[in-house]
Amino acid sequence: MMVIGITGGIGAGKSTAVNYLISKGFASIDADQIGRELTADGQPLLEKIEEQFGCVSHDGQTGNGLVLDRRAMADLVFGDSEVKEAYDELVHGEIIAVIDAKIAQLNGTDARGILLDAPLLFEASINDRCDVVILVTADMNKRIDRVSARDDAEEDDIRDRINSQMSDERKAEFSDFVVDNSGEPEEMFRQLDDIVDYLGL
């Protein structure tokens, strides 16, 4: 079964694209959701995180009783590039193992294809699991407006978040298709339909 990577920066509309394709019969694997589940309270991965980085408390009520201090971890990771690299290597490795298992489970089902929904598709080297990759992009001002309305965030903070990610230009070099979501959602849906038709799915 074909695995289609779907990626895009904050505010580009990747989730809207994924939800549309799910409505058309595609199965989806959400890399971010897997990451949240792996670092949820009481999960075994927290033992490895504590050993390498700290940022874990022992006042949880489930599993091993460990709770990730997400704010402390974020401050540590974004304050030191070497720490970020080590953390990403640890967590991304665990995420990829779950993704591989989910792809195996979905193969042979009646889904039209498997969507691998991952904002950090390239950064985490998950793109090698994909047969093709679709990049969802949008005009910078449109992205800022969307995130501001969704998160009630300041423009400067949003720009900093966008600029901290791999650029769309760089992502486009590694993508098979680029979908522009600067207009109305229906315009993006038509582009996605054209891609699905081209792939024969």
N, C-alpha and C. Protein backbone atom coordinates (compact mmCIF):
# COMPACT_ATOMS: atom_id res chain seq x y z
N MET A 1 0.84 -1.19 0.00
CA MET A 1 0.00 0.00 0.00
C MET A 1 0.88 1.25 0.00
N MET A 2 0.49 2.25 -0.77
CA MET A 2 1.30 3.46 -0.89
C MET A 2 1.27 4.27 0.41
N VAL A 3 2.45 4.72 0.83
CA VAL A 3 2.58 5.60 1.99
C VAL A 3 2.86 7.01 1.49
N ILE A 4 2.01 7.94 1.86
CA ILE A 4 2.11 9.32 1.41
C ILE A 4 2.47 10.20 2.59
N GLY A 5 3.64 10.80 2.55
CA GLY A 5 4.04 11.74 3.59
C GLY A 5 3.34 13.07 3.39
N ILE A 6 2.79 13.61 4.47
CA ILE A 6 2.15 14.93 4.43
C ILE A 6 2.86 15.81 5.45
N THR A 7 3.44 16.92 4.98
CA THR A 7 4.16 17.79 5.90
C THR A 7 3.86 19.24 5.57
N GLY A 8 4.22 20.12 6.47
CA GLY A 8 3.98 21.54 6.28
C GLY A 8 4.24 22.27 7.58
N GLY A 9 4.65 23.52 7.47
CA GLY A 9 4.95 24.31 8.65
C GLY A 9 3.70 24.79 9.37
N ILE A 10 3.91 25.39 10.51
CA ILE A 10 2.82 25.88 11.34
C ILE A 10 1.95 26.87 10.56
N GLY A 11 0.64 26.66 10.61
CA GLY A 11 -0.29 27.55 9.96
C GLY A 11 -0.49 27.33 8.47
N ALA A 12 0.20 26.35 7.91
CA ALA A 12 0.09 26.10 6.47
C ALA A 12 -1.22 25.40 6.11
N GLY A 13 -1.75 24.62 7.03
CA GLY A 13 -2.99 23.91 6.76
C GLY A 13 -2.83 22.42 6.54
N LYS A 14 -1.74 21.87 7.04
CA LYS A 14 -1.47 20.43 6.87
C LYS A 14 -2.59 19.58 7.46
N SER A 15 -3.06 19.94 8.63
CA SER A 15 -4.11 19.14 9.28
C SER A 15 -5.40 19.16 8.48
N THR A 16 -5.70 20.30 7.87
CA THR A 16 -6.89 20.39 7.02
C THR A 16 -6.75 19.45 5.82
N ALA A 17 -5.56 19.41 5.24
CA ALA A 17 -5.31 18.51 4.10
C ALA A 17 -5.44 17.06 4.53
N VAL A 18 -4.88 16.71 5.66
CA VAL A 18 -4.95 15.34 6.15
C VAL A 18 -6.40 14.93 6.41
N ASN A 19 -7.15 15.79 7.09
CA ASN A 19 -8.55 15.47 7.40
C ASN A 19 -9.38 15.29 6.13
N TYR A 20 -9.08 16.09 5.11
CA TYR A 20 -9.81 15.95 3.85
C TYR A 20 -9.52 14.58 3.22
N LEU A 21 -8.25 14.19 3.20
CA LEU A 21 -7.89 12.91 2.60
C LEU A 21 -8.43 11.74 3.41
N ILE A 22 -8.48 11.88 4.72
CA ILE A 22 -9.10 10.84 5.55
C ILE A 22 -10.56 10.67 5.15
N SER A 23 -11.25 11.78 4.91
CA SER A 23 -12.66 11.72 4.51
C SER A 23 -12.84 11.03 3.16
N LYS A 24 -11.75 10.94 2.38
CA LYS A 24 -11.79 10.30 1.07
C LYS A 24 -11.33 8.84 1.12
N GLY A 25 -11.13 8.32 2.33
CA GLY A 25 -10.83 6.90 2.45
C GLY A 25 -9.40 6.54 2.75
N PHE A 26 -8.57 7.52 3.07
CA PHE A 26 -7.17 7.24 3.41
C PHE A 26 -7.04 7.02 4.92
N ALA A 27 -6.14 6.10 5.29
CA ALA A 27 -5.79 5.92 6.69
C ALA A 27 -4.68 6.89 7.05
N SER A 28 -4.55 7.24 8.33
CA SER A 28 -3.58 8.24 8.73
C SER A 28 -2.79 7.80 9.96
N ILE A 29 -1.51 8.11 9.93
CA ILE A 29 -0.63 7.92 11.08
C ILE A 29 -0.11 9.30 11.48
N ASP A 30 -0.39 9.72 12.70
CA ASP A 30 -0.05 11.06 13.19
C ASP A 30 1.22 10.97 14.04
N ALA A 31 2.34 11.43 13.48
CA ALA A 31 3.62 11.33 14.19
C ALA A 31 3.62 12.15 15.47
N ASP A 32 3.00 13.33 15.45
CA ASP A 32 2.95 14.16 16.65
C ASP A 32 2.16 13.47 17.76
N GLN A 33 1.05 12.85 17.40
CA GLN A 33 0.24 12.15 18.39
C GLN A 33 1.02 10.99 19.00
N ILE A 34 1.76 10.29 18.17
CA ILE A 34 2.60 9.20 18.69
C ILE A 34 3.61 9.74 19.68
N GLY A 35 4.22 10.89 19.35
CA GLY A 35 5.18 11.50 20.26
C GLY A 35 4.55 11.88 21.59
N ARG A 36 3.32 12.41 21.54
CA ARG A 36 2.63 12.78 22.78
C ARG A 36 2.32 11.54 23.62
N GLU A 37 1.91 10.47 22.94
CA GLU A 37 1.58 9.24 23.68
C GLU A 37 2.82 8.62 24.31
N LEU A 38 3.94 8.66 23.60
CA LEU A 38 5.17 8.07 24.12
C LEU A 38 5.72 8.84 25.32
N THR A 39 5.41 10.14 25.40
CA THR A 39 5.91 10.95 26.51
C THR A 39 4.82 11.30 27.51
N ALA A 40 3.69 10.60 27.44
CA ALA A 40 2.61 10.81 28.40
C ALA A 40 3.02 10.29 29.78
N ASP A 41 2.28 10.71 30.80
CA ASP A 41 2.58 10.31 32.18
C ASP A 41 2.70 8.80 32.30
N GLY A 42 3.78 8.36 32.97
CA GLY A 42 3.94 6.95 33.29
C GLY A 42 4.52 6.08 32.19
N GLN A 43 4.88 6.67 31.05
CA GLN A 43 5.38 5.87 29.94
C GLN A 43 6.85 5.48 30.13
N PRO A 44 7.25 4.30 29.63
CA PRO A 44 8.64 3.83 29.81
C PRO A 44 9.69 4.77 29.23
N LEU A 45 9.37 5.49 28.14
CA LEU A 45 10.35 6.39 27.53
C LEU A 45 10.82 7.46 28.50
N LEU A 46 9.97 7.82 29.48
CA LEU A 46 10.34 8.86 30.43
C LEU A 46 11.55 8.44 31.28
N GLU A 47 11.74 7.15 31.47
CA GLU A 47 12.91 6.68 32.22
C GLU A 47 14.19 7.03 31.47
N LYS A 48 14.18 6.85 30.15
CA LYS A 48 15.35 7.19 29.34
C LYS A 48 15.57 8.70 29.30
N ILE A 49 14.47 9.44 29.22
CA ILE A 49 14.59 10.90 29.20
C ILE A 49 15.17 11.40 30.52
N GLU A 50 14.69 10.85 31.62
CA GLU A 50 15.21 11.27 32.93
C GLU A 50 16.70 10.96 33.04
N GLU A 51 17.09 9.79 32.59
CA GLU A 51 18.48 9.37 32.68
C GLU A 51 19.40 10.31 31.89
N GLN A 52 18.95 10.76 30.71
CA GLN A 52 19.80 11.59 29.86
C GLN A 52 19.67 13.08 30.14
N PHE A 53 18.44 13.52 30.49
CA PHE A 53 18.20 14.97 30.52
C PHE A 53 17.60 15.49 31.82
N GLY A 54 17.10 14.62 32.68
CA GLY A 54 16.35 15.12 33.82
C GLY A 54 14.97 15.54 33.35
N CYS A 55 14.48 16.67 33.87
CA CYS A 55 13.21 17.26 33.44
C CYS A 55 12.02 16.32 33.63
N VAL A 56 12.12 15.44 34.62
CA VAL A 56 11.05 14.48 34.90
C VAL A 56 10.78 14.48 36.40
N SER A 57 9.50 14.50 36.78
CA SER A 57 9.14 14.42 38.19
C SER A 57 8.63 13.02 38.52
N HIS A 58 8.48 12.74 39.82
CA HIS A 58 8.08 11.40 40.26
C HIS A 58 6.74 11.43 40.98
N ASP A 59 5.86 12.36 40.60
CA ASP A 59 4.59 12.49 41.33
C ASP A 59 3.39 12.03 40.51
N GLY A 60 3.65 11.23 39.48
CA GLY A 60 2.55 10.74 38.65
C GLY A 60 1.79 9.60 39.30
N GLN A 61 0.61 9.32 38.78
CA GLN A 61 -0.26 8.30 39.35
C GLN A 61 -0.41 7.07 38.46
N THR A 62 0.28 7.07 37.30
CA THR A 62 0.14 5.95 36.38
C THR A 62 1.50 5.38 36.02
N GLY A 63 1.48 4.13 35.56
CA GLY A 63 2.70 3.49 35.07
C GLY A 63 3.83 3.56 36.07
N ASN A 64 4.97 4.11 35.63
CA ASN A 64 6.14 4.20 36.50
C ASN A 64 6.14 5.44 37.39
N GLY A 65 5.07 6.20 37.35
CA GLY A 65 4.95 7.38 38.21
C GLY A 65 5.69 8.60 37.72
N LEU A 66 6.30 8.51 36.54
CA LEU A 66 7.08 9.63 36.02
C LEU A 66 6.21 10.57 35.19
N VAL A 67 6.53 11.86 35.29
CA VAL A 67 5.81 12.90 34.55
C VAL A 67 6.83 13.82 33.91
N LEU A 68 6.74 14.02 32.61
CA LEU A 68 7.66 14.90 31.90
C LEU A 68 7.32 16.36 32.20
N ASP A 69 8.32 17.12 32.61
CA ASP A 69 8.16 18.57 32.77
C ASP A 69 8.42 19.19 31.40
N ARG A 70 7.34 19.38 30.64
CA ARG A 70 7.47 19.78 29.25
C ARG A 70 8.08 21.18 29.10
N ARG A 71 7.75 22.08 30.00
CA ARG A 71 8.31 23.44 29.92
C ARG A 71 9.82 23.41 30.17
N ALA A 72 10.24 22.67 31.19
CA ALA A 72 11.67 22.56 31.48
C ALA A 72 12.41 21.88 30.34
N MET A 73 11.78 20.84 29.77
CA MET A 73 12.41 20.13 28.65
C MET A 73 12.55 21.04 27.44
N ALA A 74 11.51 21.83 27.18
CA ALA A 74 11.55 22.76 26.05
C ALA A 74 12.63 23.81 26.25
N ASP A 75 12.73 24.34 27.45
CA ASP A 75 13.76 25.34 27.73
C ASP A 75 15.16 24.75 27.54
N LEU A 76 15.33 23.51 27.97
CA LEU A 76 16.63 22.85 27.85
C LEU A 76 16.96 22.58 26.39
N VAL A 77 15.99 22.04 25.65
CA VAL A 77 16.22 21.65 24.26
C VAL A 77 16.49 22.86 23.38
N PHE A 78 15.68 23.90 23.53
CA PHE A 78 15.83 25.05 22.65
C PHE A 78 16.95 25.99 23.08
N GLY A 79 17.53 25.70 24.24
CA GLY A 79 18.66 26.51 24.68
C GLY A 79 20.01 25.93 24.33
N ASP A 80 20.03 24.70 23.78
CA ASP A 80 21.29 24.03 23.50
C ASP A 80 21.09 23.09 22.30
N SER A 81 21.73 23.41 21.19
CA SER A 81 21.53 22.63 19.97
C SER A 81 21.99 21.18 20.12
N GLU A 82 23.04 20.94 20.91
CA GLU A 82 23.52 19.58 21.11
C GLU A 82 22.52 18.76 21.92
N VAL A 83 21.93 19.38 22.92
CA VAL A 83 20.90 18.71 23.71
C VAL A 83 19.69 18.41 22.85
N LYS A 84 19.30 19.37 22.02
CA LYS A 84 18.16 19.16 21.11
C LYS A 84 18.42 17.98 20.17
N GLU A 85 19.62 17.91 19.64
CA GLU A 85 19.96 16.81 18.74
C GLU A 85 19.87 15.47 19.46
N ALA A 86 20.37 15.42 20.69
CA ALA A 86 20.34 14.17 21.45
C ALA A 86 18.90 13.78 21.81
N TYR A 87 18.11 14.78 22.19
CA TYR A 87 16.70 14.51 22.54
C TYR A 87 15.93 14.02 21.32
N ASP A 88 16.13 14.70 20.19
CA ASP A 88 15.44 14.31 18.96
C ASP A 88 15.83 12.89 18.55
N GLU A 89 17.10 12.57 18.68
CA GLU A 89 17.56 11.23 18.31
C GLU A 89 16.86 10.16 19.15
N LEU A 90 16.74 10.44 20.44
CA LEU A 90 16.09 9.48 21.34
C LEU A 90 14.60 9.34 21.02
N VAL A 91 13.90 10.46 20.97
CA VAL A 91 12.44 10.42 20.82
C VAL A 91 12.04 10.02 19.40
N HIS A 92 12.74 10.57 18.40
CA HIS A 92 12.39 10.23 17.02
C HIS A 92 12.59 8.74 16.74
N GLY A 93 13.62 8.16 17.35
CA GLY A 93 13.84 6.73 17.17
C GLY A 93 12.66 5.91 17.67
N GLU A 94 12.11 6.31 18.81
CA GLU A 94 10.95 5.62 19.37
C GLU A 94 9.72 5.83 18.50
N ILE A 95 9.54 7.07 18.01
CA ILE A 95 8.40 7.38 17.15
C ILE A 95 8.45 6.55 15.87
N ILE A 96 9.63 6.47 15.26
CA ILE A 96 9.77 5.72 14.01
C ILE A 96 9.44 4.24 14.21
N ALA A 97 9.81 3.68 15.34
CA ALA A 97 9.50 2.27 15.61
C ALA A 97 7.99 2.05 15.64
N VAL A 98 7.26 2.99 16.25
CA VAL A 98 5.80 2.87 16.30
C VAL A 98 5.21 3.07 14.91
N ILE A 99 5.74 4.03 14.15
CA ILE A 99 5.26 4.27 12.78
C ILE A 99 5.42 3.01 11.94
N ASP A 100 6.58 2.37 12.02
CA ASP A 100 6.81 1.14 11.24
C ASP A 100 5.78 0.07 11.59
N ALA A 101 5.47 -0.05 12.88
CA ALA A 101 4.49 -1.05 13.31
C ALA A 101 3.10 -0.71 12.78
N LYS A 102 2.74 0.57 12.79
CA LYS A 102 1.42 0.99 12.31
C LYS A 102 1.30 0.81 10.79
N ILE A 103 2.36 1.09 10.06
CA ILE A 103 2.34 0.87 8.61
C ILE A 103 2.10 -0.61 8.32
N ALA A 104 2.79 -1.47 9.06
CA ALA A 104 2.61 -2.91 8.87
C ALA A 104 1.18 -3.33 9.17
N GLN A 105 0.56 -2.74 10.20
CA GLN A 105 -0.81 -3.09 10.56
C GLN A 105 -1.81 -2.64 9.49
N LEU A 106 -1.54 -1.48 8.87
CA LEU A 106 -2.48 -0.92 7.91
C LEU A 106 -2.35 -1.55 6.52
N ASN A 107 -1.19 -2.12 6.23
CA ASN A 107 -1.02 -2.78 4.94
C ASN A 107 -2.01 -3.94 4.83
N GLY A 108 -2.68 -4.02 3.71
CA GLY A 108 -3.65 -5.07 3.52
C GLY A 108 -5.06 -4.70 3.92
N THR A 109 -5.25 -3.51 4.51
CA THR A 109 -6.61 -3.04 4.79
C THR A 109 -7.20 -2.47 3.51
N ASP A 110 -8.45 -2.00 3.59
CA ASP A 110 -9.11 -1.47 2.39
C ASP A 110 -8.93 0.03 2.23
N ALA A 111 -8.00 0.62 2.97
CA ALA A 111 -7.73 2.05 2.82
C ALA A 111 -7.14 2.34 1.44
N ARG A 112 -7.39 3.54 0.94
CA ARG A 112 -6.87 3.92 -0.38
C ARG A 112 -5.36 4.13 -0.34
N GLY A 113 -4.84 4.40 0.82
CA GLY A 113 -3.42 4.62 1.02
C GLY A 113 -3.19 5.02 2.46
N ILE A 114 -1.93 5.14 2.85
CA ILE A 114 -1.57 5.50 4.22
C ILE A 114 -0.95 6.89 4.22
N LEU A 115 -1.53 7.80 5.00
CA LEU A 115 -0.97 9.13 5.16
C LEU A 115 -0.04 9.13 6.37
N LEU A 116 1.18 9.60 6.19
CA LEU A 116 2.11 9.77 7.31
C LEU A 116 2.19 11.26 7.60
N ASP A 117 1.44 11.68 8.60
CA ASP A 117 1.26 13.09 8.97
C ASP A 117 2.38 13.49 9.93
N ALA A 118 3.34 14.29 9.44
CA ALA A 118 4.51 14.61 10.26
C ALA A 118 5.06 15.99 9.92
N PRO A 119 4.90 16.97 10.81
CA PRO A 119 5.49 18.29 10.56
C PRO A 119 7.01 18.22 10.39
N LEU A 120 7.65 17.30 11.12
CA LEU A 120 9.11 17.15 11.06
C LEU A 120 9.50 15.94 10.21
N LEU A 121 8.79 15.74 9.13
CA LEU A 121 9.01 14.57 8.28
C LEU A 121 10.46 14.46 7.84
N PHE A 122 11.04 15.56 7.39
CA PHE A 122 12.41 15.55 6.90
C PHE A 122 13.42 15.64 8.05
N GLU A 123 13.12 16.49 9.02
CA GLU A 123 14.04 16.67 10.13
C GLU A 123 14.25 15.38 10.92
N ALA A 124 13.19 14.57 11.01
CA ALA A 124 13.26 13.30 11.74
C ALA A 124 13.63 12.13 10.83
N SER A 125 13.90 12.42 9.56
CA SER A 125 14.27 11.39 8.57
C SER A 125 13.20 10.31 8.46
N ILE A 126 11.93 10.72 8.56
CA ILE A 126 10.83 9.77 8.40
C ILE A 126 10.43 9.67 6.94
N ASN A 127 10.88 10.60 6.13
CA ASN A 127 10.47 10.61 4.72
C ASN A 127 10.91 9.36 3.97
N ASP A 128 11.91 8.65 4.49
CA ASP A 128 12.34 7.43 3.80
C ASP A 128 11.33 6.30 3.96
N ARG A 129 10.29 6.52 4.79
CA ARG A 129 9.20 5.55 4.90
C ARG A 129 8.12 5.81 3.84
N CYS A 130 8.25 6.90 3.10
CA CYS A 130 7.18 7.34 2.20
C CYS A 130 7.51 7.02 0.74
N ASP A 131 6.46 6.68 0.00
CA ASP A 131 6.60 6.51 -1.45
C ASP A 131 6.61 7.86 -2.15
N VAL A 132 5.79 8.78 -1.66
CA VAL A 132 5.76 10.16 -2.16
C VAL A 132 5.53 11.09 -0.98
N VAL A 133 5.89 12.37 -1.18
CA VAL A 133 5.70 13.37 -0.13
C VAL A 133 4.94 14.57 -0.70
N ILE A 134 3.92 15.01 0.04
CA ILE A 134 3.17 16.21 -0.29
C ILE A 134 3.50 17.28 0.74
N LEU A 135 3.96 18.44 0.27
CA LEU A 135 4.22 19.58 1.13
C LEU A 135 3.07 20.57 1.01
N VAL A 136 2.48 20.95 2.15
CA VAL A 136 1.42 21.96 2.17
C VAL A 136 2.07 23.30 2.56
N THR A 137 1.88 24.30 1.72
CA THR A 137 2.45 25.62 1.98
C THR A 137 1.35 26.67 1.98
N ALA A 138 1.71 27.86 2.43
CA ALA A 138 0.78 28.99 2.39
C ALA A 138 1.59 30.28 2.52
N ASP A 139 1.00 31.35 2.07
CA ASP A 139 1.60 32.67 2.20
C ASP A 139 1.90 32.97 3.67
N MET A 140 3.03 33.61 3.94
CA MET A 140 3.45 33.88 5.31
C MET A 140 2.39 34.66 6.09
N ASN A 141 1.82 35.69 5.52
CA ASN A 141 0.81 36.48 6.24
C ASN A 141 -0.42 35.65 6.55
N LYS A 142 -0.80 34.78 5.62
CA LYS A 142 -1.94 33.89 5.87
C LYS A 142 -1.64 32.94 7.02
N ARG A 143 -0.43 32.41 7.07
CA ARG A 143 -0.05 31.51 8.15
C ARG A 143 -0.09 32.22 9.50
N ILE A 144 0.43 33.44 9.53
CA ILE A 144 0.43 34.22 10.77
C ILE A 144 -0.99 34.49 11.24
N ASP A 145 -1.88 34.87 10.31
CA ASP A 145 -3.28 35.14 10.67
C ASP A 145 -3.94 33.90 11.25
N ARG A 146 -3.69 32.75 10.63
CA ARG A 146 -4.31 31.51 11.10
C ARG A 146 -3.85 31.14 12.51
N VAL A 147 -2.55 31.20 12.73
CA VAL A 147 -2.01 30.81 14.03
C VAL A 147 -2.42 31.81 15.11
N SER A 148 -2.46 33.09 14.75
CA SER A 148 -2.88 34.12 15.69
C SER A 148 -4.32 33.89 16.14
N ALA A 149 -5.18 33.56 15.19
CA ALA A 149 -6.58 33.30 15.52
C ALA A 149 -6.74 32.02 16.33
N ARG A 150 -5.92 31.02 16.03
CA ARG A 150 -6.03 29.71 16.70
C ARG A 150 -5.43 29.72 18.09
N ASP A 151 -4.25 30.33 18.23
CA ASP A 151 -3.50 30.24 19.48
C ASP A 151 -3.50 31.53 20.28
N ASP A 152 -4.09 32.59 19.73
CA ASP A 152 -4.07 33.90 20.38
C ASP A 152 -2.62 34.31 20.69
N ALA A 153 -1.75 34.12 19.69
CA ALA A 153 -0.32 34.40 19.87
C ALA A 153 0.07 35.71 19.18
N GLU A 154 1.17 36.30 19.65
CA GLU A 154 1.67 37.54 19.07
C GLU A 154 2.39 37.25 17.75
N GLU A 155 2.35 38.22 16.83
CA GLU A 155 2.94 38.03 15.51
C GLU A 155 4.43 37.71 15.60
N ASP A 156 5.15 38.41 16.45
CA ASP A 156 6.60 38.18 16.54
C ASP A 156 6.89 36.75 17.01
N ASP A 157 6.09 36.26 17.96
CA ASP A 157 6.29 34.90 18.46
C ASP A 157 6.00 33.87 17.36
N ILE A 158 4.96 34.15 16.57
CA ILE A 158 4.62 33.24 15.49
C ILE A 158 5.73 33.21 14.45
N ARG A 159 6.25 34.38 14.09
CA ARG A 159 7.35 34.44 13.12
C ARG A 159 8.56 33.67 13.62
N ASP A 160 8.84 33.80 14.93
CA ASP A 160 9.98 33.07 15.50
C ASP A 160 9.75 31.56 15.37
N ARG A 161 8.53 31.11 15.61
CA ARG A 161 8.23 29.68 15.50
C ARG A 161 8.37 29.20 14.07
N ILE A 162 7.89 30.01 13.14
CA ILE A 162 8.00 29.65 11.72
C ILE A 162 9.47 29.60 11.29
N ASN A 163 10.22 30.60 11.71
CA ASN A 163 11.62 30.69 11.29
C ASN A 163 12.50 29.63 11.94
N SER A 164 12.02 29.03 13.03
CA SER A 164 12.80 27.98 13.70
C SER A 164 12.66 26.64 12.97
N GLN A 165 11.70 26.56 12.04
CA GLN A 165 11.47 25.32 11.30
C GLN A 165 12.23 25.36 9.97
N MET A 166 12.42 24.19 9.37
CA MET A 166 13.00 24.13 8.03
C MET A 166 12.13 24.95 7.09
N SER A 167 12.74 25.71 6.20
CA SER A 167 11.99 26.58 5.30
C SER A 167 11.19 25.77 4.29
N ASP A 168 10.10 26.36 3.79
CA ASP A 168 9.31 25.71 2.76
C ASP A 168 10.14 25.46 1.50
N GLU A 169 11.03 26.41 1.20
CA GLU A 169 11.87 26.25 0.01
C GLU A 169 12.74 25.01 0.12
N ARG A 170 13.28 24.79 1.30
CA ARG A 170 14.13 23.62 1.52
C ARG A 170 13.29 22.34 1.49
N LYS A 171 12.11 22.37 2.13
CA LYS A 171 11.25 21.19 2.13
C LYS A 171 10.80 20.84 0.72
N ALA A 172 10.55 21.87 -0.09
CA ALA A 172 10.08 21.63 -1.45
C ALA A 172 11.11 20.86 -2.28
N GLU A 173 12.39 21.03 -1.95
CA GLU A 173 13.43 20.31 -2.68
C GLU A 173 13.31 18.80 -2.50
N PHE A 174 12.75 18.38 -1.36
CA PHE A 174 12.65 16.96 -1.05
C PHE A 174 11.25 16.40 -1.27
N SER A 175 10.31 17.25 -1.70
CA SER A 175 8.92 16.84 -1.85
C SER A 175 8.60 16.51 -3.29
N ASP A 176 7.63 15.62 -3.48
CA ASP A 176 7.19 15.26 -4.82
C ASP A 176 6.08 16.18 -5.33
N PHE A 177 5.27 16.70 -4.40
CA PHE A 177 4.18 17.60 -4.74
C PHE A 177 4.13 18.74 -3.73
N VAL A 178 3.81 19.94 -4.22
CA VAL A 178 3.64 21.10 -3.34
C VAL A 178 2.23 21.64 -3.54
N VAL A 179 1.48 21.73 -2.46
CA VAL A 179 0.10 22.21 -2.48
C VAL A 179 0.05 23.58 -1.82
N ASP A 180 -0.51 24.56 -2.53
CA ASP A 180 -0.61 25.92 -2.00
C ASP A 180 -1.96 26.10 -1.33
N ASN A 181 -1.94 26.41 -0.05
CA ASN A 181 -3.17 26.60 0.73
C ASN A 181 -3.32 28.05 1.15
N SER A 182 -2.94 28.98 0.29
CA SER A 182 -3.06 30.40 0.62
C SER A 182 -4.48 30.92 0.41
N GLY A 183 -5.29 30.18 -0.36
CA GLY A 183 -6.64 30.62 -0.65
C GLY A 183 -7.68 29.91 0.20
N GLU A 184 -8.83 29.66 -0.41
CA GLU A 184 -9.90 28.94 0.28
C GLU A 184 -9.59 27.44 0.33
N PRO A 185 -10.09 26.74 1.36
CA PRO A 185 -9.81 25.31 1.48
C PRO A 185 -10.18 24.52 0.24
N GLU A 186 -11.27 24.90 -0.43
CA GLU A 186 -11.71 24.18 -1.61
C GLU A 186 -10.65 24.18 -2.70
N GLU A 187 -9.86 25.25 -2.77
CA GLU A 187 -8.79 25.31 -3.77
C GLU A 187 -7.72 24.26 -3.46
N MET A 188 -7.40 24.12 -2.17
CA MET A 188 -6.44 23.10 -1.79
C MET A 188 -7.00 21.70 -2.05
N PHE A 189 -8.28 21.49 -1.76
CA PHE A 189 -8.89 20.18 -1.96
C PHE A 189 -8.80 19.77 -3.43
N ARG A 190 -8.99 20.72 -4.33
CA ARG A 190 -8.90 20.40 -5.76
C ARG A 190 -7.48 19.96 -6.13
N GLN A 191 -6.49 20.62 -5.54
CA GLN A 191 -5.09 20.23 -5.79
C GLN A 191 -4.83 18.82 -5.27
N LEU A 192 -5.36 18.52 -4.09
CA LEU A 192 -5.18 17.19 -3.52
C LEU A 192 -5.86 16.13 -4.37
N ASP A 193 -7.06 16.43 -4.86
CA ASP A 193 -7.77 15.49 -5.73
C ASP A 193 -6.95 15.20 -6.99
N ASP A 194 -6.33 16.24 -7.54
CA ASP A 194 -5.51 16.06 -8.75
C ASP A 194 -4.31 15.14 -8.46
N ILE A 195 -3.71 15.30 -7.28
CA ILE A 195 -2.57 14.44 -6.92
C ILE A 195 -3.02 13.00 -6.75
N VAL A 196 -4.14 12.80 -6.07
CA VAL A 196 -4.67 11.45 -5.86
C VAL A 196 -4.97 10.79 -7.20
N ASP A 197 -5.57 11.55 -8.11
CA ASP A 197 -5.86 11.01 -9.45
C ASP A 197 -4.57 10.66 -10.17
N TYR A 198 -3.58 11.53 -10.09
CA TYR A 198 -2.30 11.29 -10.76
C TYR A 198 -1.64 10.02 -10.24
N LEU A 199 -1.77 9.78 -8.92
CA LEU A 199 -1.16 8.59 -8.32
C LEU A 199 -1.99 7.33 -8.57
N GLY A 200 -3.17 7.50 -9.12
CA GLY A 200 -4.01 6.35 -9.42
C GLY A 200 -4.63 5.69 -8.22
N LEU A 201 -4.92 6.48 -7.20
CA LEU A 201 -5.44 5.92 -5.94
C LEU A 201 -6.96 6.11 -5.85
